[in-house]
Amino acid sequence: MTAMHKGFRRNPDGSWTCVAESTIEGPKGRMRVTPGTTFAPGLKLMGVDLAALLDALTRTKSVEY
């Protein structure tokens, strides 16, 4: 089964790919992500490891930075 979270799909290697234009509220502001963008574990955007954040969001309803 493929993990999904609001416009993202989790890949077998642990990375996440955006499948629909998405906006993520991060600690440093909004991050717009376009379809096709892939985030590997450890890769940070505006100081946020998005793969780890999406992993956490699939396990809980909210996450703290």
N, C-alpha and C. Protein backbone atom coordinates (compact mmCIF):
# COMPACT_ATOMS: atom_id res chain seq x y z
N MET A 1 0.84 -1.19 0.00
CA MET A 1 0.00 0.00 0.00
C MET A 1 0.88 1.25 0.00
N THR A 2 0.54 2.23 -0.79
CA THR A 2 1.30 3.47 -0.90
C THR A 2 0.78 4.48 0.11
N ALA A 3 1.68 5.07 0.87
CA ALA A 3 1.29 6.12 1.82
C ALA A 3 1.02 7.41 1.05
N MET A 4 -0.02 8.12 1.44
CA MET A 4 -0.36 9.39 0.82
C MET A 4 -0.61 10.42 1.91
N HIS A 5 -0.34 11.68 1.61
CA HIS A 5 -0.71 12.75 2.52
C HIS A 5 -0.93 14.01 1.70
N LYS A 6 -2.15 14.46 1.59
CA LYS A 6 -2.54 15.74 0.99
C LYS A 6 -1.65 16.15 -0.19
N GLY A 7 -1.68 15.41 -1.27
CA GLY A 7 -0.95 15.80 -2.46
C GLY A 7 0.43 15.20 -2.60
N PHE A 8 0.81 14.31 -1.68
CA PHE A 8 2.12 13.67 -1.74
C PHE A 8 1.98 12.16 -1.71
N ARG A 9 2.91 11.48 -2.38
CA ARG A 9 2.96 10.02 -2.38
C ARG A 9 4.33 9.59 -1.85
N ARG A 10 4.32 8.61 -0.93
CA ARG A 10 5.58 8.10 -0.38
C ARG A 10 6.12 7.03 -1.31
N ASN A 11 7.40 7.13 -1.66
CA ASN A 11 8.06 6.18 -2.55
C ASN A 11 8.73 5.07 -1.76
N PRO A 12 8.99 3.92 -2.39
CA PRO A 12 9.61 2.79 -1.69
C PRO A 12 10.95 3.12 -1.03
N ASP A 13 11.69 4.10 -1.56
CA ASP A 13 12.99 4.45 -0.98
C ASP A 13 12.89 5.42 0.19
N GLY A 14 11.65 5.78 0.60
CA GLY A 14 11.45 6.69 1.73
C GLY A 14 11.30 8.15 1.33
N SER A 15 11.50 8.44 0.05
CA SER A 15 11.30 9.81 -0.41
C SER A 15 9.81 10.05 -0.64
N TRP A 16 9.43 11.31 -0.82
CA TRP A 16 8.05 11.69 -1.08
C TRP A 16 8.01 12.50 -2.36
N THR A 17 7.01 12.24 -3.20
CA THR A 17 6.82 12.98 -4.44
C THR A 17 5.50 13.72 -4.40
N CYS A 18 5.56 14.99 -4.77
CA CYS A 18 4.34 15.80 -4.86
C CYS A 18 3.56 15.36 -6.09
N VAL A 19 2.28 15.06 -5.91
CA VAL A 19 1.43 14.62 -7.03
C VAL A 19 0.34 15.64 -7.35
N ALA A 20 0.20 16.67 -6.53
CA ALA A 20 -0.75 17.76 -6.77
C ALA A 20 -0.18 19.02 -6.13
N GLU A 21 -0.35 20.16 -6.78
CA GLU A 21 0.20 21.39 -6.24
C GLU A 21 -0.20 21.53 -4.78
N SER A 22 0.78 21.80 -3.92
CA SER A 22 0.54 21.81 -2.48
C SER A 22 1.20 23.00 -1.82
N THR A 23 0.63 23.42 -0.72
CA THR A 23 1.22 24.45 0.12
C THR A 23 1.37 23.87 1.51
N ILE A 24 2.58 23.97 2.06
CA ILE A 24 2.85 23.46 3.40
C ILE A 24 3.18 24.64 4.30
N GLU A 25 2.52 24.71 5.45
CA GLU A 25 2.82 25.74 6.43
C GLU A 25 4.00 25.28 7.27
N GLY A 26 5.13 25.92 7.11
CA GLY A 26 6.32 25.56 7.86
C GLY A 26 6.65 26.61 8.91
N PRO A 27 7.67 26.36 9.72
CA PRO A 27 8.03 27.30 10.78
C PRO A 27 8.55 28.63 10.24
N LYS A 28 9.00 28.66 8.99
CA LYS A 28 9.53 29.89 8.40
C LYS A 28 8.62 30.44 7.31
N GLY A 29 7.39 29.95 7.25
CA GLY A 29 6.43 30.44 6.27
C GLY A 29 5.92 29.35 5.37
N ARG A 30 5.17 29.75 4.37
CA ARG A 30 4.55 28.80 3.44
C ARG A 30 5.55 28.32 2.41
N MET A 31 5.41 27.04 2.06
CA MET A 31 6.24 26.44 1.03
C MET A 31 5.31 25.91 -0.05
N ARG A 32 5.45 26.42 -1.26
CA ARG A 32 4.65 25.91 -2.38
C ARG A 32 5.46 24.83 -3.08
N VAL A 33 4.81 23.71 -3.32
CA VAL A 33 5.48 22.57 -3.94
C VAL A 33 4.70 22.18 -5.18
N THR A 34 5.40 22.01 -6.29
CA THR A 34 4.75 21.67 -7.55
C THR A 34 4.82 20.17 -7.81
N PRO A 35 3.85 19.65 -8.56
CA PRO A 35 3.84 18.22 -8.88
C PRO A 35 5.15 17.79 -9.55
N GLY A 36 5.61 16.61 -9.15
CA GLY A 36 6.84 16.06 -9.70
C GLY A 36 8.05 16.30 -8.82
N THR A 37 7.95 17.23 -7.86
CA THR A 37 9.06 17.50 -6.94
C THR A 37 9.18 16.35 -5.96
N THR A 38 10.39 15.83 -5.79
CA THR A 38 10.63 14.72 -4.87
C THR A 38 11.59 15.15 -3.77
N PHE A 39 11.25 14.76 -2.54
CA PHE A 39 12.06 15.09 -1.37
C PHE A 39 12.61 13.81 -0.76
N ALA A 40 13.93 13.67 -0.78
CA ALA A 40 14.59 12.53 -0.15
C ALA A 40 14.74 12.80 1.34
N PRO A 41 14.80 11.75 2.16
CA PRO A 41 15.03 11.94 3.59
C PRO A 41 16.31 12.75 3.82
N GLY A 42 16.23 13.74 4.69
CA GLY A 42 17.38 14.58 5.01
C GLY A 42 17.48 15.85 4.18
N LEU A 43 16.80 15.91 3.04
CA LEU A 43 16.80 17.10 2.20
C LEU A 43 15.90 18.14 2.84
N LYS A 44 16.42 19.36 3.04
CA LYS A 44 15.64 20.39 3.72
C LYS A 44 15.22 21.49 2.77
N LEU A 45 14.00 21.98 2.97
CA LEU A 45 13.47 23.12 2.26
C LEU A 45 13.08 24.12 3.34
N MET A 46 13.68 25.31 3.30
CA MET A 46 13.43 26.33 4.32
C MET A 46 13.66 25.78 5.73
N GLY A 47 14.69 24.93 5.87
CA GLY A 47 15.05 24.39 7.17
C GLY A 47 14.23 23.21 7.64
N VAL A 48 13.34 22.69 6.80
CA VAL A 48 12.46 21.59 7.19
C VAL A 48 12.78 20.35 6.35
N ASP A 49 13.00 19.22 7.03
CA ASP A 49 13.16 17.94 6.35
C ASP A 49 11.75 17.48 5.98
N LEU A 50 11.34 17.74 4.74
CA LEU A 50 9.96 17.46 4.34
C LEU A 50 9.63 15.98 4.34
N ALA A 51 10.58 15.12 4.02
CA ALA A 51 10.30 13.68 4.07
C ALA A 51 9.97 13.27 5.50
N ALA A 52 10.75 13.75 6.48
CA ALA A 52 10.48 13.42 7.88
C ALA A 52 9.16 14.03 8.34
N LEU A 53 8.87 15.25 7.91
CA LEU A 53 7.62 15.90 8.27
C LEU A 53 6.43 15.11 7.72
N LEU A 54 6.49 14.71 6.46
CA LEU A 54 5.39 13.94 5.86
C LEU A 54 5.26 12.57 6.51
N ASP A 55 6.39 11.94 6.86
CA ASP A 55 6.32 10.67 7.59
C ASP A 55 5.57 10.86 8.91
N ALA A 56 5.91 11.93 9.63
CA ALA A 56 5.27 12.21 10.91
C ALA A 56 3.78 12.51 10.74
N LEU A 57 3.45 13.26 9.70
CA LEU A 57 2.04 13.62 9.47
C LEU A 57 1.19 12.42 9.12
N THR A 58 1.76 11.40 8.50
CA THR A 58 0.98 10.22 8.18
C THR A 58 0.71 9.38 9.43
N ARG A 59 1.52 9.60 10.49
CA ARG A 59 1.34 8.86 11.75
C ARG A 59 0.47 9.60 12.75
N THR A 60 0.41 10.93 12.64
CA THR A 60 -0.34 11.75 13.60
C THR A 60 -1.17 12.80 12.87
N LYS A 61 -2.04 13.46 13.59
CA LYS A 61 -2.85 14.52 13.01
C LYS A 61 -2.10 15.85 12.95
N SER A 62 -1.10 16.03 13.82
CA SER A 62 -0.33 17.28 13.82
C SER A 62 1.11 16.99 14.18
N VAL A 63 1.95 17.94 13.90
CA VAL A 63 3.37 17.78 14.17
C VAL A 63 3.93 19.10 14.66
N GLU A 64 4.88 19.07 15.58
CA GLU A 64 5.51 20.30 16.06
C GLU A 64 6.90 20.39 15.47
N TYR A 65 7.32 21.62 15.14
CA TYR A 65 8.63 21.85 14.54
C TYR A 65 9.67 22.04 15.61
